[in-house]
Amino acid sequence: MQEILTAVTYPIVWLICSYFLGIESGLGKLLISLTAAILVYVLMGMAKSQKADDKNGDDARK
């Protein structure tokens, strides 16, 4: 699920940069869309990890 969402994020952000934000630079669109895809991947991993910790009863904040 995490990888699929990351793969879908990349072209969606690319299209948003192209059509809605009007960014014409290919490098700019590449950097923005890759950053967004990596951010989604990391955030999903953090949420999954936190959910697993809560399920096991671990609390890393103590």
N, C-alpha and C. Protein backbone atom coordinates (compact mmCIF):
# COMPACT_ATOMS: atom_id res chain seq x y z
N MET A 1 0.83 -1.19 0.00
CA MET A 1 0.00 0.00 0.00
C MET A 1 0.87 1.26 0.00
N GLN A 2 1.92 1.22 0.82
CA GLN A 2 2.80 2.38 0.94
C GLN A 2 3.49 2.69 -0.39
N GLU A 3 3.96 1.65 -1.07
CA GLU A 3 4.66 1.85 -2.34
C GLU A 3 3.71 2.30 -3.43
N ILE A 4 2.49 1.78 -3.42
CA ILE A 4 1.50 2.16 -4.43
C ILE A 4 1.14 3.64 -4.29
N LEU A 5 0.92 4.07 -3.06
CA LEU A 5 0.58 5.47 -2.83
C LEU A 5 1.73 6.39 -3.23
N THR A 6 2.95 5.95 -2.98
CA THR A 6 4.12 6.73 -3.38
C THR A 6 4.21 6.82 -4.91
N ALA A 7 3.96 5.70 -5.58
CA ALA A 7 4.02 5.68 -7.05
C ALA A 7 2.92 6.55 -7.66
N VAL A 8 1.78 6.62 -7.02
CA VAL A 8 0.67 7.44 -7.53
C VAL A 8 0.92 8.92 -7.24
N THR A 9 1.57 9.21 -6.13
CA THR A 9 1.83 10.60 -5.74
C THR A 9 2.72 11.30 -6.77
N TYR A 10 3.73 10.60 -7.27
CA TYR A 10 4.69 11.22 -8.18
C TYR A 10 4.02 11.82 -9.43
N PRO A 11 3.24 11.05 -10.21
CA PRO A 11 2.64 11.67 -11.42
C PRO A 11 1.57 12.70 -11.09
N ILE A 12 0.86 12.54 -9.98
CA ILE A 12 -0.16 13.52 -9.61
C ILE A 12 0.49 14.87 -9.31
N VAL A 13 1.57 14.86 -8.53
CA VAL A 13 2.26 16.11 -8.21
C VAL A 13 2.90 16.70 -9.46
N TRP A 14 3.40 15.84 -10.35
CA TRP A 14 3.97 16.31 -11.63
C TRP A 14 2.91 17.08 -12.42
N LEU A 15 1.71 16.51 -12.51
CA LEU A 15 0.62 17.18 -13.24
C LEU A 15 0.19 18.47 -12.56
N ILE A 16 0.14 18.47 -11.24
CA ILE A 16 -0.21 19.69 -10.50
C ILE A 16 0.81 20.78 -10.79
N CYS A 17 2.08 20.42 -10.77
CA CYS A 17 3.13 21.40 -11.07
C CYS A 17 3.01 21.93 -12.49
N SER A 18 2.69 21.05 -13.43
CA SER A 18 2.61 21.45 -14.84
C SER A 18 1.42 22.34 -15.13
N TYR A 19 0.24 21.90 -14.72
CA TYR A 19 -0.98 22.58 -15.14
C TYR A 19 -1.50 23.63 -14.17
N PHE A 20 -1.42 23.37 -12.88
CA PHE A 20 -2.00 24.32 -11.92
C PHE A 20 -1.00 25.36 -11.45
N LEU A 21 0.25 24.94 -11.24
CA LEU A 21 1.25 25.89 -10.77
C LEU A 21 2.02 26.53 -11.92
N GLY A 22 1.94 25.93 -13.10
CA GLY A 22 2.58 26.50 -14.28
C GLY A 22 4.09 26.41 -14.29
N ILE A 23 4.65 25.44 -13.60
CA ILE A 23 6.11 25.27 -13.58
C ILE A 23 6.52 24.62 -14.89
N GLU A 24 7.41 25.27 -15.62
CA GLU A 24 7.82 24.77 -16.92
C GLU A 24 9.15 24.01 -16.86
N SER A 25 9.90 24.22 -15.83
CA SER A 25 11.20 23.57 -15.70
C SER A 25 11.03 22.09 -15.38
N GLY A 26 11.60 21.24 -16.21
CA GLY A 26 11.52 19.80 -15.98
C GLY A 26 12.23 19.39 -14.70
N LEU A 27 13.37 20.03 -14.43
CA LEU A 27 14.11 19.73 -13.22
C LEU A 27 13.32 20.15 -11.98
N GLY A 28 12.69 21.30 -12.06
CA GLY A 28 11.87 21.77 -10.93
C GLY A 28 10.72 20.83 -10.63
N LYS A 29 10.02 20.40 -11.69
CA LYS A 29 8.91 19.46 -11.50
C LYS A 29 9.42 18.13 -10.95
N LEU A 30 10.56 17.69 -11.45
CA LEU A 30 11.14 16.43 -10.98
C LEU A 30 11.47 16.49 -9.50
N LEU A 31 12.14 17.57 -9.09
CA LEU A 31 12.52 17.69 -7.69
C LEU A 31 11.31 17.80 -6.77
N ILE A 32 10.33 18.58 -7.16
CA ILE A 32 9.14 18.75 -6.33
C ILE A 32 8.36 17.44 -6.23
N SER A 33 8.16 16.76 -7.36
CA SER A 33 7.36 15.54 -7.33
C SER A 33 8.08 14.41 -6.62
N LEU A 34 9.39 14.30 -6.79
CA LEU A 34 10.14 13.27 -6.06
C LEU A 34 10.15 13.55 -4.56
N THR A 35 10.29 14.81 -4.19
CA THR A 35 10.24 15.16 -2.77
C THR A 35 8.90 14.82 -2.17
N ALA A 36 7.82 15.10 -2.88
CA ALA A 36 6.49 14.77 -2.38
C ALA A 36 6.31 13.26 -2.25
N ALA A 37 6.80 12.50 -3.23
CA ALA A 37 6.67 11.05 -3.18
C ALA A 37 7.47 10.47 -2.01
N ILE A 38 8.67 10.96 -1.80
CA ILE A 38 9.49 10.49 -0.68
C ILE A 38 8.85 10.88 0.64
N LEU A 39 8.30 12.07 0.73
CA LEU A 39 7.62 12.51 1.94
C LEU A 39 6.43 11.63 2.26
N VAL A 40 5.65 11.27 1.26
CA VAL A 40 4.51 10.37 1.47
C VAL A 40 5.00 9.02 1.97
N TYR A 41 6.07 8.51 1.38
CA TYR A 41 6.63 7.21 1.78
C TYR A 41 7.08 7.24 3.25
N VAL A 42 7.79 8.29 3.63
CA VAL A 42 8.29 8.41 5.00
C VAL A 42 7.14 8.57 5.99
N LEU A 43 6.18 9.42 5.67
CA LEU A 43 5.05 9.64 6.58
C LEU A 43 4.21 8.37 6.76
N MET A 44 4.01 7.63 5.68
CA MET A 44 3.27 6.37 5.79
C MET A 44 4.04 5.37 6.65
N GLY A 45 5.36 5.32 6.50
CA GLY A 45 6.19 4.43 7.32
C GLY A 45 6.15 4.80 8.78
N MET A 46 6.17 6.10 9.07
CA MET A 46 6.10 6.55 10.46
C MET A 46 4.75 6.21 11.07
N ALA A 47 3.68 6.40 10.32
CA ALA A 47 2.35 6.09 10.82
C ALA A 47 2.20 4.59 11.05
N LYS A 48 2.74 3.79 10.15
CA LYS A 48 2.68 2.33 10.30
C LYS A 48 3.46 1.88 11.52
N SER A 49 4.63 2.46 11.73
CA SER A 49 5.45 2.13 12.88
C SER A 49 4.77 2.51 14.19
N GLN A 50 4.16 3.69 14.21
CA GLN A 50 3.48 4.14 15.41
C GLN A 50 2.27 3.26 15.71
N LYS A 51 1.57 2.85 14.67
CA LYS A 51 0.42 1.97 14.85
C LYS A 51 0.86 0.62 15.41
N ALA A 52 1.98 0.11 14.93
CA ALA A 52 2.50 -1.16 15.42
C ALA A 52 2.92 -1.04 16.88
N ASP A 53 3.54 0.09 17.24
CA ASP A 53 3.93 0.31 18.63
C ASP A 53 2.71 0.38 19.54
N ASP A 54 1.68 1.07 19.09
CA ASP A 54 0.46 1.18 19.89
C ASP A 54 -0.22 -0.17 20.05
N LYS A 55 -0.17 -0.97 19.01
CA LYS A 55 -0.79 -2.28 19.05
C LYS A 55 -0.07 -3.20 20.03
N ASN A 56 1.26 -3.08 20.12
CA ASN A 56 2.05 -3.92 21.03
C ASN A 56 2.07 -3.38 22.44
N GLY A 57 1.55 -2.20 22.65
CA GLY A 57 1.54 -1.60 23.98
C GLY A 57 2.80 -0.86 24.31
N ASP A 58 3.69 -0.70 23.36
CA ASP A 58 4.92 0.05 23.58
C ASP A 58 4.62 1.53 23.50
N ASP A 59 5.29 2.28 24.37
CA ASP A 59 5.15 3.73 24.32
C ASP A 59 6.54 4.32 24.39
N ALA A 60 7.05 4.75 23.24
CA ALA A 60 8.42 5.27 23.15
C ALA A 60 8.55 6.66 23.78
N ARG A 61 7.43 7.29 24.09
CA ARG A 61 7.49 8.64 24.64
C ARG A 61 7.78 8.64 26.15
N LYS A 62 7.74 7.53 26.80
CA LYS A 62 8.00 7.47 28.27
C LYS A 62 9.46 7.55 28.55
